[in-house]
């Protein structure tokens, strides 16, 4: 699968390597293109997953604010609920196209 923003592939992995949570695909960190993510100071804590890290996404010459997020250390109950350890996996907002 591929995550594409403005025609630029920002992540690519086999579907079996991704985790689906609440309608979002979460990509393993190694699947994300080097230099595509820039840490953001935007705070967010999910009641059941824990503290999120937001990222701006670089696609070509453009940087798109807060278009991705990750849970570096999700609650253990969230890992159990999801059925997979998604620590550090990256999800993208709806502006990013996901293709098989």
C-alpha atoms as a PDB file:
ATOM      1  CA  UNK A   1       0.000   0.000   0.000  1.00  0.00           C
ATOM      2  CA  UNK A   2       1.047   3.595  -0.519  1.00  0.00           C
ATOM      3  CA  UNK A   3       0.336   6.863   1.255  1.00  0.00           C
ATOM      4  CA  UNK A   4       0.468   9.727  -1.247  1.00  0.00           C
ATOM      5  CA  UNK A   5       0.270  13.478  -0.690  1.00  0.00           C
ATOM      6  CA  UNK A   6       0.289  15.854  -3.665  1.00  0.00           C
ATOM      7  CA  UNK A   7       1.616  13.091  -5.899  1.00  0.00           C
ATOM      8  CA  UNK A   8       4.508  12.245  -3.560  1.00  0.00           C
ATOM      9  CA  UNK A   9       4.718   8.785  -1.968  1.00  0.00           C
ATOM     10  CA  UNK A  10       5.329   9.404   1.736  1.00  0.00           C
ATOM     11  CA  UNK A  11       4.899   5.826   2.963  1.00  0.00           C
ATOM     12  CA  UNK A  12       4.859   2.379   1.387  1.00  0.00           C
ATOM     13  CA  UNK A  13       4.398  -1.079   2.916  1.00  0.00           C
ATOM     14  CA  UNK A  14       2.621  -4.397   2.501  1.00  0.00           C
ATOM     15  CA  UNK A  15      -0.929  -4.280   3.812  1.00  0.00           C
ATOM     16  CA  UNK A  16      -0.055  -7.065   6.273  1.00  0.00           C
ATOM     17  CA  UNK A  17       2.493  -4.745   7.925  1.00  0.00           C
ATOM     18  CA  UNK A  18      -0.089  -2.035   8.646  1.00  0.00           C
ATOM     19  CA  UNK A  19      -2.478  -1.778  11.581  1.00  0.00           C
ATOM     20  CA  UNK A  20      -6.049  -0.495  11.132  1.00  0.00           C
ATOM     21  CA  UNK A  21      -7.447   1.556  14.026  1.00  0.00           C
ATOM     22  CA  UNK A  22     -10.693   3.527  13.937  1.00  0.00           C
ATOM     23  CA  UNK A  23     -10.667   3.679  10.137  1.00  0.00           C
ATOM     24  CA  UNK A  24      -7.040   4.846   9.894  1.00  0.00           C
ATOM     25  CA  UNK A  25      -4.094   2.854   8.594  1.00  0.00           C
ATOM     26  CA  UNK A  26      -1.062   2.982  10.875  1.00  0.00           C
ATOM     27  CA  UNK A  27       2.273   2.505   9.106  1.00  0.00           C
ATOM     28  CA  UNK A  28       5.423   1.075  10.669  1.00  0.00           C
ATOM     29  CA  UNK A  29       8.068   3.807  11.046  1.00  0.00           C
ATOM     30  CA  UNK A  30      10.402   2.083   8.548  1.00  0.00           C
ATOM     31  CA  UNK A  31       7.684   2.403   5.874  1.00  0.00           C
ATOM     32  CA  UNK A  32       7.665   6.207   6.025  1.00  0.00           C
ATOM     33  CA  UNK A  33       9.944   8.027   3.584  1.00  0.00           C
ATOM     34  CA  UNK A  34      13.053   9.475   5.179  1.00  0.00           C
ATOM     35  CA  UNK A  35      12.593  13.190   5.861  1.00  0.00           C
ATOM     36  CA  UNK A  36       8.822  13.105   5.259  1.00  0.00           C
ATOM     37  CA  UNK A  37       7.878  13.827   8.889  1.00  0.00           C
ATOM     38  CA  UNK A  38       8.665  16.891  10.984  1.00  0.00           C
ATOM     39  CA  UNK A  39       7.686  16.815  14.671  1.00  0.00           C
ATOM     40  CA  UNK A  40       4.937  19.236  15.621  1.00  0.00           C
ATOM     41  CA  UNK A  41       4.268  20.847  18.988  1.00  0.00           C
ATOM     42  CA  UNK A  42       0.522  20.206  18.640  1.00  0.00           C
ATOM     43  CA  UNK A  43      -0.666  18.382  21.784  1.00  0.00           C
ATOM     44  CA  UNK A  44      -3.242  15.607  21.819  1.00  0.00           C
ATOM     45  CA  UNK A  45      -4.093  12.782  24.179  1.00  0.00           C
ATOM     46  CA  UNK A  46      -6.539  10.062  23.196  1.00  0.00           C
ATOM     47  CA  UNK A  47      -8.529   8.762  26.171  1.00  0.00           C
ATOM     48  CA  UNK A  48      -7.850   5.134  25.290  1.00  0.00           C
ATOM     49  CA  UNK A  49      -4.633   5.198  23.189  1.00  0.00           C
ATOM     50  CA  UNK A  50      -2.628   7.750  25.167  1.00  0.00           C
ATOM     51  CA  UNK A  51      -0.415  10.700  24.256  1.00  0.00           C
ATOM     52  CA  UNK A  52       0.042  11.384  20.547  1.00  0.00           C
ATOM     53  CA  UNK A  53       2.925  12.952  18.666  1.00  0.00           C
ATOM     54  CA  UNK A  54       1.796  15.038  15.701  1.00  0.00           C
ATOM     55  CA  UNK A  55       3.909  15.605  12.590  1.00  0.00           C
ATOM     56  CA  UNK A  56       3.876  17.949   9.656  1.00  0.00           C
ATOM     57  CA  UNK A  57       4.388  16.085   6.381  1.00  0.00           C
ATOM     58  CA  UNK A  58       6.889  17.148   3.737  1.00  0.00           C
ATOM     59  CA  UNK A  59       5.766  16.305   0.219  1.00  0.00           C
ATOM     60  CA  UNK A  60       8.113  17.694  -2.377  1.00  0.00           C
ATOM     61  CA  UNK A  61       8.647  21.401  -1.731  1.00  0.00           C
ATOM     62  CA  UNK A  62       5.635  21.735   0.587  1.00  0.00           C
ATOM     63  CA  UNK A  63       5.198  21.083   4.294  1.00  0.00           C
ATOM     64  CA  UNK A  64       1.666  20.225   5.437  1.00  0.00           C
ATOM     65  CA  UNK A  65       1.002  21.009   9.096  1.00  0.00           C
ATOM     66  CA  UNK A  66      -0.229  18.235  11.394  1.00  0.00           C
ATOM     67  CA  UNK A  67      -1.103  15.756   8.646  1.00  0.00           C
ATOM     68  CA  UNK A  68       0.267  12.743  10.580  1.00  0.00           C
ATOM     69  CA  UNK A  69       0.363  11.392  14.120  1.00  0.00           C
ATOM     70  CA  UNK A  70       1.756   8.550  16.143  1.00  0.00           C
ATOM     71  CA  UNK A  71       1.469   7.045  19.605  1.00  0.00           C
ATOM     72  CA  UNK A  72       5.093   6.485  20.689  1.00  0.00           C
ATOM     73  CA  UNK A  73       4.050   4.675  23.876  1.00  0.00           C
ATOM     74  CA  UNK A  74       0.356   3.764  23.716  1.00  0.00           C
ATOM     75  CA  UNK A  75      -1.430   2.475  26.799  1.00  0.00           C
ATOM     76  CA  UNK A  76      -0.964  -1.292  27.198  1.00  0.00           C
ATOM     77  CA  UNK A  77      -4.756  -1.640  27.244  1.00  0.00           C
ATOM     78  CA  UNK A  78      -4.849   0.012  23.791  1.00  0.00           C
ATOM     79  CA  UNK A  79      -2.344  -2.509  22.425  1.00  0.00           C
ATOM     80  CA  UNK A  80      -4.492  -5.295  23.838  1.00  0.00           C
ATOM     81  CA  UNK A  81      -7.671  -3.748  22.402  1.00  0.00           C
ATOM     82  CA  UNK A  82      -6.126  -3.338  18.929  1.00  0.00           C
ATOM     83  CA  UNK A  83      -4.479  -6.762  19.029  1.00  0.00           C
ATOM     84  CA  UNK A  84      -1.132  -5.434  17.801  1.00  0.00           C
ATOM     85  CA  UNK A  85       1.667  -3.282  19.167  1.00  0.00           C
ATOM     86  CA  UNK A  86       1.353  -0.044  17.209  1.00  0.00           C
ATOM     87  CA  UNK A  87       3.966   1.882  19.209  1.00  0.00           C
ATOM     88  CA  UNK A  88       5.502   4.507  16.950  1.00  0.00           C
ATOM     89  CA  UNK A  89       3.348   3.584  13.956  1.00  0.00           C
ATOM     90  CA  UNK A  90       2.266   6.605  11.901  1.00  0.00           C
ATOM     91  CA  UNK A  91      -1.240   7.473  10.672  1.00  0.00           C
ATOM     92  CA  UNK A  92      -2.133  10.158   8.160  1.00  0.00           C
ATOM     93  CA  UNK A  93      -5.150  12.450   7.946  1.00  0.00           C
ATOM     94  CA  UNK A  94      -7.700  12.320   5.138  1.00  0.00           C
ATOM     95  CA  UNK A  95      -5.722  14.700   2.903  1.00  0.00           C
ATOM     96  CA  UNK A  96      -3.274  11.834   2.331  1.00  0.00           C
ATOM     97  CA  UNK A  97      -4.494   9.347  -0.265  1.00  0.00           C
ATOM     98  CA  UNK A  98      -4.128   5.667   0.559  1.00  0.00           C
ATOM     99  CA  UNK A  99      -3.827   3.307  -2.412  1.00  0.00           C
ATOM    100  CA  UNK A 100      -3.544  -0.462  -2.619  1.00  0.00           C
END
